[in-house]
């Protein structure tokens, strides 16, 4: 479980830093997260049969944390949604 959290926090940090200082990743954020977490899990010596589970779990936690950090620090606009269609 510690490996999963370390990998998730490291990928969240890198994704947030790239999004903030370099350029928005958009739809590539998930694929980059999976790639980073695969490298991190291999580096942290996870057993080979557990790598898919650890990578998917760490990617989910890492992407959630990076979006949370982005919305807290940068502030994402929430008023871009269209108005509700009135009921008949």
C-alpha atoms as a PDB file:
ATOM      1  CA  UNK A   1       0.000   0.000   0.000  1.00  0.00           C
ATOM      2  CA  UNK A   2       2.905   2.335   0.683  1.00  0.00           C
ATOM      3  CA  UNK A   3       4.254   1.752  -2.804  1.00  0.00           C
ATOM      4  CA  UNK A   4       0.914   2.706  -4.304  1.00  0.00           C
ATOM      5  CA  UNK A   5       0.757   5.953  -2.347  1.00  0.00           C
ATOM      6  CA  UNK A   6       4.362   6.887  -3.101  1.00  0.00           C
ATOM      7  CA  UNK A   7       3.819   6.252  -6.794  1.00  0.00           C
ATOM      8  CA  UNK A   8       0.508   8.159  -6.807  1.00  0.00           C
ATOM      9  CA  UNK A   9       1.939  11.182  -5.014  1.00  0.00           C
ATOM     10  CA  UNK A  10       4.990  11.280  -7.286  1.00  0.00           C
ATOM     11  CA  UNK A  11       2.880  11.152 -10.436  1.00  0.00           C
ATOM     12  CA  UNK A  12       0.446  13.762  -9.063  1.00  0.00           C
ATOM     13  CA  UNK A  13       3.376  16.063  -8.317  1.00  0.00           C
ATOM     14  CA  UNK A  14       4.871  15.670 -11.788  1.00  0.00           C
ATOM     15  CA  UNK A  15       1.538  16.030 -13.588  1.00  0.00           C
ATOM     16  CA  UNK A  16       0.621  19.142 -11.596  1.00  0.00           C
ATOM     17  CA  UNK A  17       4.038  20.692 -12.218  1.00  0.00           C
ATOM     18  CA  UNK A  18       3.887  20.047 -15.962  1.00  0.00           C
ATOM     19  CA  UNK A  19       0.320  21.372 -16.178  1.00  0.00           C
ATOM     20  CA  UNK A  20       1.158  24.496 -14.191  1.00  0.00           C
ATOM     21  CA  UNK A  21       4.541  25.508 -15.557  1.00  0.00           C
ATOM     22  CA  UNK A  22       4.885  23.957 -18.990  1.00  0.00           C
ATOM     23  CA  UNK A  23       1.704  23.284 -20.934  1.00  0.00           C
ATOM     24  CA  UNK A  24      -1.757  21.763 -20.460  1.00  0.00           C
ATOM     25  CA  UNK A  25      -1.786  18.037 -21.106  1.00  0.00           C
ATOM     26  CA  UNK A  26      -5.493  17.672 -21.843  1.00  0.00           C
ATOM     27  CA  UNK A  27      -6.443  14.191 -22.968  1.00  0.00           C
ATOM     28  CA  UNK A  28      -2.850  12.921 -22.627  1.00  0.00           C
ATOM     29  CA  UNK A  29      -2.894  13.304 -18.846  1.00  0.00           C
ATOM     30  CA  UNK A  30      -4.172   9.771 -18.250  1.00  0.00           C
ATOM     31  CA  UNK A  31      -1.716   8.078 -20.585  1.00  0.00           C
ATOM     32  CA  UNK A  32       1.193  10.007 -19.116  1.00  0.00           C
ATOM     33  CA  UNK A  33      -0.042   9.052 -15.634  1.00  0.00           C
ATOM     34  CA  UNK A  34      -0.143   5.365 -16.555  1.00  0.00           C
ATOM     35  CA  UNK A  35       3.353   5.573 -18.045  1.00  0.00           C
ATOM     36  CA  UNK A  36       4.770   7.368 -15.016  1.00  0.00           C
ATOM     37  CA  UNK A  37       3.174   4.935 -12.580  1.00  0.00           C
ATOM     38  CA  UNK A  38       4.463   1.957 -14.549  1.00  0.00           C
ATOM     39  CA  UNK A  39       7.997   3.331 -14.304  1.00  0.00           C
ATOM     40  CA  UNK A  40       7.565   4.133 -10.612  1.00  0.00           C
ATOM     41  CA  UNK A  41       6.169   0.687  -9.769  1.00  0.00           C
ATOM     42  CA  UNK A  42       9.008  -1.026 -11.622  1.00  0.00           C
ATOM     43  CA  UNK A  43      11.500   1.178  -9.806  1.00  0.00           C
ATOM     44  CA  UNK A  44       9.913   0.474  -6.416  1.00  0.00           C
ATOM     45  CA  UNK A  45      10.171  -3.299  -7.095  1.00  0.00           C
ATOM     46  CA  UNK A  46       6.559  -4.391  -7.201  1.00  0.00           C
ATOM     47  CA  UNK A  47       6.078  -8.058  -8.077  1.00  0.00           C
ATOM     48  CA  UNK A  48       5.371  -8.545 -11.764  1.00  0.00           C
ATOM     49  CA  UNK A  49       1.951 -10.108 -11.275  1.00  0.00           C
ATOM     50  CA  UNK A  50       0.797  -7.137  -9.156  1.00  0.00           C
ATOM     51  CA  UNK A  51       2.033  -4.412 -11.496  1.00  0.00           C
ATOM     52  CA  UNK A  52      -1.285  -3.891 -13.373  1.00  0.00           C
ATOM     53  CA  UNK A  53      -3.212  -3.543 -10.110  1.00  0.00           C
ATOM     54  CA  UNK A  54      -0.695  -1.155  -8.577  1.00  0.00           C
ATOM     55  CA  UNK A  55      -0.402   0.900 -11.759  1.00  0.00           C
ATOM     56  CA  UNK A  56      -4.167   1.316 -12.156  1.00  0.00           C
ATOM     57  CA  UNK A  57      -4.658   2.121  -8.476  1.00  0.00           C
ATOM     58  CA  UNK A  58      -1.799   4.603  -8.372  1.00  0.00           C
ATOM     59  CA  UNK A  59      -2.967   6.228 -11.605  1.00  0.00           C
ATOM     60  CA  UNK A  60      -6.475   6.705 -10.238  1.00  0.00           C
ATOM     61  CA  UNK A  61      -5.226   8.208  -6.973  1.00  0.00           C
ATOM     62  CA  UNK A  62      -2.582  10.319  -8.732  1.00  0.00           C
ATOM     63  CA  UNK A  63      -4.973  11.772 -11.290  1.00  0.00           C
ATOM     64  CA  UNK A  64      -7.536  12.528  -8.606  1.00  0.00           C
ATOM     65  CA  UNK A  65      -4.941  14.279  -6.466  1.00  0.00           C
ATOM     66  CA  UNK A  66      -3.531  16.279  -9.380  1.00  0.00           C
ATOM     67  CA  UNK A  67      -7.013  17.507 -10.324  1.00  0.00           C
ATOM     68  CA  UNK A  68      -7.721  18.364  -6.701  1.00  0.00           C
ATOM     69  CA  UNK A  69      -4.466  20.324  -6.373  1.00  0.00           C
ATOM     70  CA  UNK A  70      -5.148  22.110  -9.649  1.00  0.00           C
ATOM     71  CA  UNK A  71      -8.635  23.158  -8.595  1.00  0.00           C
ATOM     72  CA  UNK A  72      -7.447  24.319  -5.148  1.00  0.00           C
ATOM     73  CA  UNK A  73      -4.337  26.232  -6.166  1.00  0.00           C
ATOM     74  CA  UNK A  74      -5.115  27.484  -9.642  1.00  0.00           C
ATOM     75  CA  UNK A  75      -8.882  27.636  -9.439  1.00  0.00           C
ATOM     76  CA  UNK A  76     -10.874  26.215 -12.284  1.00  0.00           C
ATOM     77  CA  UNK A  77     -13.930  28.107 -13.509  1.00  0.00           C
ATOM     78  CA  UNK A  78     -17.156  26.424 -12.516  1.00  0.00           C
ATOM     79  CA  UNK A  79     -19.622  28.675 -14.325  1.00  0.00           C
ATOM     80  CA  UNK A  80     -18.991  27.337 -17.830  1.00  0.00           C
ATOM     81  CA  UNK A  81     -21.923  24.945 -17.784  1.00  0.00           C
ATOM     82  CA  UNK A  82     -25.042  25.856 -19.787  1.00  0.00           C
ATOM     83  CA  UNK A  83     -28.230  26.696 -17.953  1.00  0.00           C
ATOM     84  CA  UNK A  84     -30.690  23.917 -17.236  1.00  0.00           C
ATOM     85  CA  UNK A  85     -33.500  23.381 -19.653  1.00  0.00           C
ATOM     86  CA  UNK A  86     -36.757  24.253 -17.895  1.00  0.00           C
ATOM     87  CA  UNK A  87     -39.177  21.400 -17.409  1.00  0.00           C
ATOM     88  CA  UNK A  88     -42.415  21.386 -19.371  1.00  0.00           C
END
